[in-house]
Amino acid sequence: MNLTIRPATPADEAVLVAFNTAIAWETEHKRLDPVVLAAGVRAVLADPARGFYTVAERDGEVVGQMMVTFEWSDWRNGWFWWVQSVYVREDARRGGVFRVLYRAAEQRAAADPNVIGLRLYFDLENARAQSTYRALGMSDTTYGMMEVYPLPGRDTHVE
């Protein structure tokens, strides 16, 4: 598969929104508010401090995406990059798209001396995803994840 990896641009907004809509439905059976989602995608595209999207193209069509956001670690004096919003179009799955997107992010992170690691979270029941992440060199941590969402009195913007 001949893939081109490139930074997403505002021209990619529609496909990023569509892919994020698909992620939410496929992984959590949630329907996202399209207005809120589009604003969220635009916010990342407009402000590099929020993160960045990378897309994979095959034959001029976007077939995959990955968003990276940032977490400062005071314990380690450096940035962790969080791999998020990963989506590979169904007809491109099991063809190495995620691997190529991940390796591109890994190389970009390695080129920045302030980045100290990559992280992602996943559904505990998704054994195939976990196997893929381990095959890329990621390892399990002792950290769990909890949240308060939405904050009291706020709407979730999902159905």
N, C-alpha and C. Protein backbone atom coordinates (compact mmCIF):
# COMPACT_ATOMS: atom_id res chain seq x y z
N MET A 1 0.85 -1.18 0.00
CA MET A 1 0.00 0.00 0.00
C MET A 1 0.89 1.23 0.00
N ASN A 2 0.68 2.09 -0.97
CA ASN A 2 1.45 3.32 -1.08
C ASN A 2 0.72 4.42 -0.33
N LEU A 3 1.27 4.82 0.82
CA LEU A 3 0.65 5.83 1.67
C LEU A 3 1.49 7.08 1.71
N THR A 4 0.81 8.21 1.79
CA THR A 4 1.45 9.49 2.04
C THR A 4 0.95 9.97 3.39
N ILE A 5 1.86 10.34 4.26
CA ILE A 5 1.51 10.87 5.58
C ILE A 5 1.80 12.36 5.54
N ARG A 6 0.81 13.14 5.99
CA ARG A 6 0.99 14.59 5.98
C ARG A 6 0.20 15.22 7.11
N PRO A 7 0.57 16.44 7.51
CA PRO A 7 -0.23 17.16 8.50
C PRO A 7 -1.60 17.48 7.92
N ALA A 8 -2.61 17.38 8.74
CA ALA A 8 -3.95 17.78 8.31
C ALA A 8 -4.00 19.29 8.19
N THR A 9 -4.87 19.76 7.32
CA THR A 9 -5.07 21.19 7.10
C THR A 9 -6.56 21.50 7.25
N PRO A 10 -6.92 22.77 7.30
CA PRO A 10 -8.34 23.10 7.37
C PRO A 10 -9.17 22.48 6.24
N ALA A 11 -8.56 22.21 5.11
CA ALA A 11 -9.29 21.56 4.00
C ALA A 11 -9.71 20.14 4.35
N ASP A 12 -9.11 19.55 5.38
CA ASP A 12 -9.44 18.19 5.81
C ASP A 12 -10.56 18.15 6.85
N GLU A 13 -11.09 19.30 7.22
CA GLU A 13 -12.07 19.34 8.31
C GLU A 13 -13.21 18.34 8.11
N ALA A 14 -13.81 18.29 6.95
CA ALA A 14 -14.98 17.42 6.73
C ALA A 14 -14.63 15.95 6.95
N VAL A 15 -13.50 15.52 6.45
CA VAL A 15 -13.13 14.11 6.63
C VAL A 15 -12.77 13.82 8.08
N LEU A 16 -12.12 14.76 8.76
CA LEU A 16 -11.79 14.57 10.18
C LEU A 16 -13.06 14.47 11.01
N VAL A 17 -14.03 15.31 10.72
CA VAL A 17 -15.31 15.25 11.43
C VAL A 17 -15.99 13.92 11.15
N ALA A 18 -16.00 13.50 9.89
CA ALA A 18 -16.64 12.23 9.53
C ALA A 18 -15.95 11.06 10.22
N PHE A 19 -14.62 11.06 10.23
CA PHE A 19 -13.89 9.96 10.87
C PHE A 19 -14.10 9.97 12.38
N ASN A 20 -14.11 11.15 13.00
CA ASN A 20 -14.36 11.21 14.44
C ASN A 20 -15.77 10.74 14.78
N THR A 21 -16.72 11.08 13.93
CA THR A 21 -18.09 10.60 14.12
C THR A 21 -18.11 9.07 14.09
N ALA A 22 -17.39 8.51 13.14
CA ALA A 22 -17.33 7.04 13.01
C ALA A 22 -16.64 6.40 14.21
N ILE A 23 -15.55 7.01 14.69
CA ILE A 23 -14.85 6.47 15.87
C ILE A 23 -15.81 6.38 17.05
N ALA A 24 -16.50 7.45 17.32
CA ALA A 24 -17.39 7.50 18.48
C ALA A 24 -18.47 6.42 18.38
N TRP A 25 -19.00 6.24 17.20
CA TRP A 25 -20.06 5.24 17.04
C TRP A 25 -19.48 3.82 17.14
N GLU A 26 -18.39 3.56 16.43
CA GLU A 26 -17.82 2.21 16.42
C GLU A 26 -17.28 1.78 17.77
N THR A 27 -16.68 2.69 18.50
CA THR A 27 -16.02 2.30 19.76
C THR A 27 -16.93 2.42 20.98
N GLU A 28 -17.83 3.39 20.97
CA GLU A 28 -18.62 3.64 22.17
C GLU A 28 -20.12 3.75 21.92
N HIS A 29 -20.53 3.56 20.68
CA HIS A 29 -21.94 3.71 20.30
C HIS A 29 -22.50 5.06 20.76
N LYS A 30 -21.68 6.10 20.56
CA LYS A 30 -22.09 7.46 20.89
C LYS A 30 -22.25 8.26 19.62
N ARG A 31 -23.28 9.09 19.60
CA ARG A 31 -23.50 10.03 18.51
C ARG A 31 -23.07 11.41 19.01
N LEU A 32 -22.04 11.93 18.40
CA LEU A 32 -21.51 13.22 18.81
C LEU A 32 -22.33 14.35 18.19
N ASP A 33 -22.40 15.45 18.89
CA ASP A 33 -23.05 16.66 18.37
C ASP A 33 -22.16 17.18 17.24
N PRO A 34 -22.65 17.19 16.00
CA PRO A 34 -21.79 17.58 14.88
C PRO A 34 -21.28 19.01 14.94
N VAL A 35 -22.05 19.91 15.54
CA VAL A 35 -21.61 21.30 15.65
C VAL A 35 -20.43 21.39 16.63
N VAL A 36 -20.56 20.71 17.77
CA VAL A 36 -19.50 20.73 18.77
C VAL A 36 -18.25 20.03 18.23
N LEU A 37 -18.44 18.89 17.57
CA LEU A 37 -17.31 18.15 17.00
C LEU A 37 -16.57 18.99 15.96
N ALA A 38 -17.30 19.60 15.05
CA ALA A 38 -16.65 20.42 14.02
C ALA A 38 -15.87 21.57 14.65
N ALA A 39 -16.44 22.19 15.67
CA ALA A 39 -15.73 23.27 16.37
C ALA A 39 -14.47 22.74 17.05
N GLY A 40 -14.55 21.54 17.61
CA GLY A 40 -13.39 20.94 18.25
C GLY A 40 -12.28 20.61 17.27
N VAL A 41 -12.64 20.09 16.12
CA VAL A 41 -11.66 19.80 15.07
C VAL A 41 -11.01 21.09 14.59
N ARG A 42 -11.85 22.10 14.33
CA ARG A 42 -11.31 23.40 13.88
C ARG A 42 -10.37 24.00 14.92
N ALA A 43 -10.69 23.83 16.21
CA ALA A 43 -9.85 24.38 17.27
C ALA A 43 -8.45 23.78 17.23
N VAL A 44 -8.36 22.48 16.99
CA VAL A 44 -7.04 21.84 16.89
C VAL A 44 -6.31 22.32 15.64
N LEU A 45 -7.02 22.37 14.52
CA LEU A 45 -6.38 22.80 13.27
C LEU A 45 -5.88 24.25 13.36
N ALA A 46 -6.57 25.07 14.15
CA ALA A 46 -6.22 26.49 14.24
C ALA A 46 -5.17 26.80 15.30
N ASP A 47 -4.98 25.91 16.26
CA ASP A 47 -4.11 26.22 17.40
C ASP A 47 -3.17 25.05 17.69
N PRO A 48 -1.93 25.11 17.22
CA PRO A 48 -0.99 24.01 17.42
C PRO A 48 -0.70 23.69 18.89
N ALA A 49 -1.02 24.61 19.80
CA ALA A 49 -0.83 24.32 21.23
C ALA A 49 -1.82 23.27 21.72
N ARG A 50 -2.91 23.09 21.00
CA ARG A 50 -3.91 22.09 21.39
C ARG A 50 -3.52 20.69 20.93
N GLY A 51 -2.75 20.61 19.87
CA GLY A 51 -2.37 19.33 19.30
C GLY A 51 -2.27 19.44 17.79
N PHE A 52 -2.24 18.29 17.15
CA PHE A 52 -2.21 18.28 15.69
C PHE A 52 -2.80 16.97 15.18
N TYR A 53 -3.33 17.05 13.97
CA TYR A 53 -3.81 15.88 13.25
C TYR A 53 -2.81 15.53 12.16
N THR A 54 -2.64 14.25 11.95
CA THR A 54 -1.90 13.73 10.81
C THR A 54 -2.85 12.83 10.05
N VAL A 55 -2.76 12.87 8.74
CA VAL A 55 -3.61 12.01 7.93
C VAL A 55 -2.76 11.13 7.02
N ALA A 56 -3.33 9.98 6.68
CA ALA A 56 -2.72 9.06 5.72
C ALA A 56 -3.56 9.10 4.46
N GLU A 57 -2.89 9.30 3.33
CA GLU A 57 -3.58 9.33 2.04
C GLU A 57 -3.12 8.16 1.18
N ARG A 58 -4.08 7.60 0.47
CA ARG A 58 -3.78 6.58 -0.55
C ARG A 58 -4.51 7.02 -1.81
N ASP A 59 -3.77 7.14 -2.89
CA ASP A 59 -4.35 7.57 -4.16
C ASP A 59 -5.12 8.89 -4.02
N GLY A 60 -4.60 9.80 -3.22
CA GLY A 60 -5.20 11.11 -3.06
C GLY A 60 -6.40 11.18 -2.13
N GLU A 61 -6.77 10.06 -1.51
CA GLU A 61 -7.90 10.04 -0.58
C GLU A 61 -7.40 9.79 0.83
N VAL A 62 -7.97 10.50 1.80
CA VAL A 62 -7.61 10.27 3.20
C VAL A 62 -8.24 8.95 3.63
N VAL A 63 -7.36 8.04 4.11
CA VAL A 63 -7.84 6.73 4.56
C VAL A 63 -7.62 6.52 6.06
N GLY A 64 -6.90 7.45 6.71
CA GLY A 64 -6.66 7.32 8.13
C GLY A 64 -6.28 8.66 8.75
N GLN A 65 -6.48 8.71 10.06
CA GLN A 65 -6.14 9.93 10.81
C GLN A 65 -5.62 9.57 12.19
N MET A 66 -4.88 10.50 12.75
CA MET A 66 -4.42 10.41 14.13
C MET A 66 -4.30 11.83 14.65
N MET A 67 -4.75 12.02 15.88
CA MET A 67 -4.55 13.31 16.54
C MET A 67 -3.55 13.08 17.67
N VAL A 68 -2.70 14.06 17.89
CA VAL A 68 -1.76 14.03 19.00
C VAL A 68 -2.04 15.25 19.87
N THR A 69 -2.16 15.02 21.18
CA THR A 69 -2.27 16.12 22.14
C THR A 69 -1.11 15.99 23.12
N PHE A 70 -0.97 16.98 23.99
CA PHE A 70 0.23 17.08 24.81
C PHE A 70 -0.07 17.06 26.30
N GLU A 71 0.79 16.42 27.05
CA GLU A 71 0.70 16.40 28.52
C GLU A 71 2.09 16.69 29.09
N TRP A 72 2.17 17.72 29.92
CA TRP A 72 3.44 18.05 30.55
C TRP A 72 3.63 17.16 31.78
N SER A 73 4.83 16.58 31.91
CA SER A 73 5.17 15.79 33.09
C SER A 73 6.18 16.55 33.93
N ASP A 74 5.73 17.02 35.09
CA ASP A 74 6.68 17.69 35.99
C ASP A 74 7.66 16.67 36.56
N TRP A 75 7.23 15.43 36.74
CA TRP A 75 8.11 14.39 37.28
C TRP A 75 9.28 14.10 36.35
N ARG A 76 9.04 14.24 35.07
CA ARG A 76 10.06 13.86 34.08
C ARG A 76 10.59 15.05 33.28
N ASN A 77 10.02 16.24 33.56
CA ASN A 77 10.44 17.47 32.89
C ASN A 77 10.41 17.34 31.37
N GLY A 78 9.27 16.90 30.88
CA GLY A 78 9.14 16.76 29.44
C GLY A 78 7.70 16.50 29.05
N TRP A 79 7.49 16.46 27.74
CA TRP A 79 6.16 16.27 27.18
C TRP A 79 5.90 14.82 26.82
N PHE A 80 4.73 14.33 27.20
CA PHE A 80 4.19 13.10 26.63
C PHE A 80 3.26 13.50 25.51
N TRP A 81 3.33 12.81 24.42
CA TRP A 81 2.37 12.99 23.35
C TRP A 81 1.33 11.88 23.47
N TRP A 82 0.08 12.29 23.50
CA TRP A 82 -1.04 11.35 23.56
C TRP A 82 -1.57 11.11 22.16
N VAL A 83 -1.57 9.87 21.74
CA VAL A 83 -2.14 9.45 20.46
C VAL A 83 -3.64 9.28 20.67
N GLN A 84 -4.43 10.01 19.91
CA GLN A 84 -5.88 10.01 20.09
C GLN A 84 -6.58 10.06 18.73
N SER A 85 -7.88 9.87 18.77
CA SER A 85 -8.73 10.01 17.59
C SER A 85 -8.17 9.27 16.38
N VAL A 86 -7.70 8.06 16.63
CA VAL A 86 -7.18 7.23 15.54
C VAL A 86 -8.35 6.61 14.79
N TYR A 87 -8.32 6.75 13.49
CA TYR A 87 -9.34 6.10 12.67
C TYR A 87 -8.73 5.71 11.34
N VAL A 88 -9.03 4.49 10.93
CA VAL A 88 -8.64 4.01 9.62
C VAL A 88 -9.93 3.59 8.90
N ARG A 89 -10.11 4.12 7.73
CA ARG A 89 -11.29 3.79 6.94
C ARG A 89 -11.39 2.27 6.79
N GLU A 90 -12.60 1.77 6.83
CA GLU A 90 -12.82 0.31 6.87
C GLU A 90 -12.14 -0.43 5.73
N ASP A 91 -12.17 0.12 4.54
CA ASP A 91 -11.56 -0.57 3.39
C ASP A 91 -10.03 -0.52 3.41
N ALA A 92 -9.45 0.22 4.37
CA ALA A 92 -7.99 0.31 4.47
C ALA A 92 -7.45 -0.38 5.72
N ARG A 93 -8.32 -0.99 6.50
CA ARG A 93 -7.89 -1.61 7.75
C ARG A 93 -7.08 -2.89 7.50
N ARG A 94 -6.23 -3.18 8.47
CA ARG A 94 -5.35 -4.34 8.43
C ARG A 94 -4.35 -4.24 7.29
N GLY A 95 -4.07 -2.99 6.88
CA GLY A 95 -3.13 -2.78 5.79
C GLY A 95 -1.95 -1.92 6.21
N GLY A 96 -1.76 -1.72 7.50
CA GLY A 96 -0.60 -0.98 7.98
C GLY A 96 -0.78 0.52 8.09
N VAL A 97 -1.98 1.02 7.90
CA VAL A 97 -2.19 2.48 7.95
C VAL A 97 -1.87 3.02 9.33
N PHE A 98 -2.41 2.40 10.37
CA PHE A 98 -2.11 2.89 11.72
C PHE A 98 -0.61 2.80 12.00
N ARG A 99 0.01 1.71 11.61
CA ARG A 99 1.45 1.55 11.86
C ARG A 99 2.23 2.70 11.24
N VAL A 100 1.89 3.08 10.01
CA VAL A 100 2.60 4.16 9.33
C VAL A 100 2.32 5.50 10.01
N LEU A 101 1.07 5.74 10.38
CA LEU A 101 0.74 6.97 11.11
C LEU A 101 1.51 7.04 12.43
N TYR A 102 1.52 5.92 13.16
CA TYR A 102 2.18 5.88 14.46
C TYR A 102 3.69 6.11 14.30
N ARG A 103 4.31 5.42 13.35
CA ARG A 103 5.75 5.58 13.15
C ARG A 103 6.10 7.01 12.78
N ALA A 104 5.27 7.68 12.01
CA ALA A 104 5.52 9.08 11.65
C ALA A 104 5.47 9.96 12.90
N ALA A 105 4.48 9.70 13.78
CA ALA A 105 4.40 10.47 15.03
C ALA A 105 5.59 10.16 15.92
N GLU A 106 5.97 8.91 15.98
CA GLU A 106 7.11 8.49 16.80
C GLU A 106 8.40 9.18 16.32
N GLN A 107 8.59 9.24 15.01
CA GLN A 107 9.78 9.91 14.47
C GLN A 107 9.76 11.40 14.75
N ARG A 108 8.60 12.00 14.61
CA ARG A 108 8.47 13.44 14.89
C ARG A 108 8.76 13.71 16.37
N ALA A 109 8.23 12.86 17.24
CA ALA A 109 8.47 13.02 18.68
C ALA A 109 9.96 12.85 19.00
N ALA A 110 10.58 11.85 18.40
CA ALA A 110 12.00 11.58 18.66
C ALA A 110 12.88 12.74 18.21
N ALA A 111 12.44 13.49 17.23
CA ALA A 111 13.21 14.64 16.74
C ALA A 111 13.11 15.85 17.65
N ASP A 112 12.19 15.82 18.60
CA ASP A 112 12.00 16.93 19.53
C ASP A 112 12.54 16.52 20.89
N PRO A 113 13.65 17.12 21.36
CA PRO A 113 14.25 16.70 22.62
C PRO A 113 13.37 16.94 23.85
N ASN A 114 12.31 17.71 23.70
CA ASN A 114 11.41 17.96 24.83
C ASN A 114 10.32 16.91 24.97
N VAL A 115 10.18 16.04 23.98
CA VAL A 115 9.19 14.98 24.03
C VAL A 115 9.86 13.74 24.63
N ILE A 116 9.24 13.21 25.68
CA ILE A 116 9.86 12.10 26.41
C ILE A 116 9.15 10.77 26.23
N GLY A 117 7.95 10.80 25.64
CA GLY A 117 7.26 9.53 25.45
C GLY A 117 5.94 9.70 24.72
N LEU A 118 5.39 8.58 24.32
CA LEU A 118 4.09 8.52 23.66
C LEU A 118 3.15 7.70 24.53
N ARG A 119 1.90 8.10 24.56
CA ARG A 119 0.89 7.39 25.34
C ARG A 119 -0.39 7.30 24.53
N LEU A 120 -1.19 6.32 24.87
CA LEU A 120 -2.54 6.25 24.34
C LEU A 120 -3.39 5.46 25.31
N TYR A 121 -4.69 5.63 25.22
CA TYR A 121 -5.59 4.80 26.01
C TYR A 121 -6.43 4.00 25.04
N PHE A 122 -7.00 2.91 25.55
CA PHE A 122 -7.73 2.00 24.69
C PHE A 122 -8.81 1.31 25.51
N ASP A 123 -9.73 0.72 24.80
CA ASP A 123 -10.79 -0.07 25.43
C ASP A 123 -10.17 -1.37 25.93
N LEU A 124 -10.37 -1.68 27.19
CA LEU A 124 -9.78 -2.89 27.78
C LEU A 124 -10.23 -4.17 27.10
N GLU A 125 -11.37 -4.13 26.44
CA GLU A 125 -11.87 -5.32 25.76
C GLU A 125 -11.39 -5.45 24.32
N ASN A 126 -10.66 -4.47 23.83
CA ASN A 126 -10.19 -4.49 22.45
C ASN A 126 -8.81 -5.15 22.38
N ALA A 127 -8.81 -6.47 22.39
CA ALA A 127 -7.56 -7.24 22.41
C ALA A 127 -6.75 -7.03 21.13
N ARG A 128 -7.41 -6.88 20.00
CA ARG A 128 -6.69 -6.70 18.74
C ARG A 128 -5.91 -5.39 18.76
N ALA A 129 -6.54 -4.32 19.25
CA ALA A 129 -5.84 -3.03 19.32
C ALA A 129 -4.64 -3.14 20.26
N GLN A 130 -4.83 -3.77 21.41
CA GLN A 130 -3.73 -3.91 22.36
C GLN A 130 -2.57 -4.68 21.74
N SER A 131 -2.88 -5.71 20.99
CA SER A 131 -1.85 -6.49 20.32
C SER A 131 -1.09 -5.63 19.31
N THR A 132 -1.82 -4.81 18.58
CA THR A 132 -1.19 -3.91 17.61
C THR A 132 -0.26 -2.94 18.31
N TYR A 133 -0.70 -2.35 19.42
CA TYR A 133 0.12 -1.38 20.14
C TYR A 133 1.38 -2.04 20.70
N ARG A 134 1.24 -3.23 21.23
CA ARG A 134 2.42 -3.94 21.74
C ARG A 134 3.40 -4.26 20.62
N ALA A 135 2.88 -4.64 19.46
CA ALA A 135 3.75 -4.95 18.32
C ALA A 135 4.54 -3.73 17.86
N LEU A 136 4.04 -2.54 18.16
CA LEU A 136 4.75 -1.31 17.82
C LEU A 136 5.75 -0.90 18.89
N GLY A 137 5.84 -1.68 19.97
CA GLY A 137 6.80 -1.39 21.02
C GLY A 137 6.22 -0.73 22.25
N MET A 138 4.92 -0.53 22.28
CA MET A 138 4.30 0.07 23.46
C MET A 138 4.14 -1.01 24.52
N SER A 139 4.10 -0.59 25.78
CA SER A 139 3.95 -1.55 26.87
C SER A 139 2.86 -1.09 27.81
N ASP A 140 2.33 -2.06 28.55
CA ASP A 140 1.30 -1.76 29.53
C ASP A 140 1.90 -0.95 30.67
N THR A 141 1.07 -0.11 31.27
CA THR A 141 1.50 0.66 32.43
C THR A 141 0.70 0.20 33.64
N THR A 142 1.06 0.72 34.78
CA THR A 142 0.30 0.42 36.00
C THR A 142 -0.80 1.44 36.23
N TYR A 143 -0.93 2.41 35.31
CA TYR A 143 -1.92 3.46 35.49
C TYR A 143 -3.28 3.03 34.96
N GLY A 144 -4.30 3.35 35.72
CA GLY A 144 -5.67 3.23 35.24
C GLY A 144 -6.13 4.61 34.82
N MET A 145 -7.37 4.68 34.45
CA MET A 145 -7.89 5.99 34.06
C MET A 145 -9.28 6.15 34.66
N MET A 146 -9.53 7.30 35.23
CA MET A 146 -10.85 7.67 35.76
C MET A 146 -11.15 9.06 35.24
N GLU A 147 -12.44 9.43 35.32
CA GLU A 147 -12.79 10.77 34.87
C GLU A 147 -14.05 11.25 35.55
N VAL A 148 -14.21 12.55 35.51
CA VAL A 148 -15.48 13.19 35.81
C VAL A 148 -15.84 13.91 34.52
N TYR A 149 -16.86 13.43 33.87
CA TYR A 149 -17.29 14.03 32.62
C TYR A 149 -18.75 13.72 32.41
N PRO A 150 -19.52 14.70 32.14
CA PRO A 150 -19.18 16.13 32.10
C PRO A 150 -19.06 16.67 33.52
N LEU A 151 -18.47 17.83 33.63
CA LEU A 151 -18.45 18.50 34.91
C LEU A 151 -19.88 18.78 35.34
N PRO A 152 -20.15 18.77 36.62
CA PRO A 152 -21.52 19.01 37.08
C PRO A 152 -22.12 20.26 36.47
N GLY A 153 -23.34 20.12 35.96
CA GLY A 153 -24.05 21.24 35.38
C GLY A 153 -23.76 21.49 33.92
N ARG A 154 -22.89 20.68 33.31
CA ARG A 154 -22.57 20.87 31.90
C ARG A 154 -23.16 19.76 31.06
N ASP A 155 -23.50 20.11 29.84
CA ASP A 155 -24.04 19.15 28.89
C ASP A 155 -22.90 18.34 28.27
N THR A 156 -23.17 17.08 27.94
CA THR A 156 -22.14 16.23 27.36
C THR A 156 -21.99 16.41 25.86
N HIS A 157 -23.01 16.90 25.18
CA HIS A 157 -23.00 17.07 23.72
C HIS A 157 -22.91 15.74 22.99
N VAL A 158 -23.28 14.64 23.63
CA VAL A 158 -23.38 13.36 22.96
C VAL A 158 -24.71 12.74 23.29
N GLU A 159 -25.16 11.83 22.44
CA GLU A 159 -26.42 11.13 22.70
C GLU A 159 -26.13 9.73 23.18
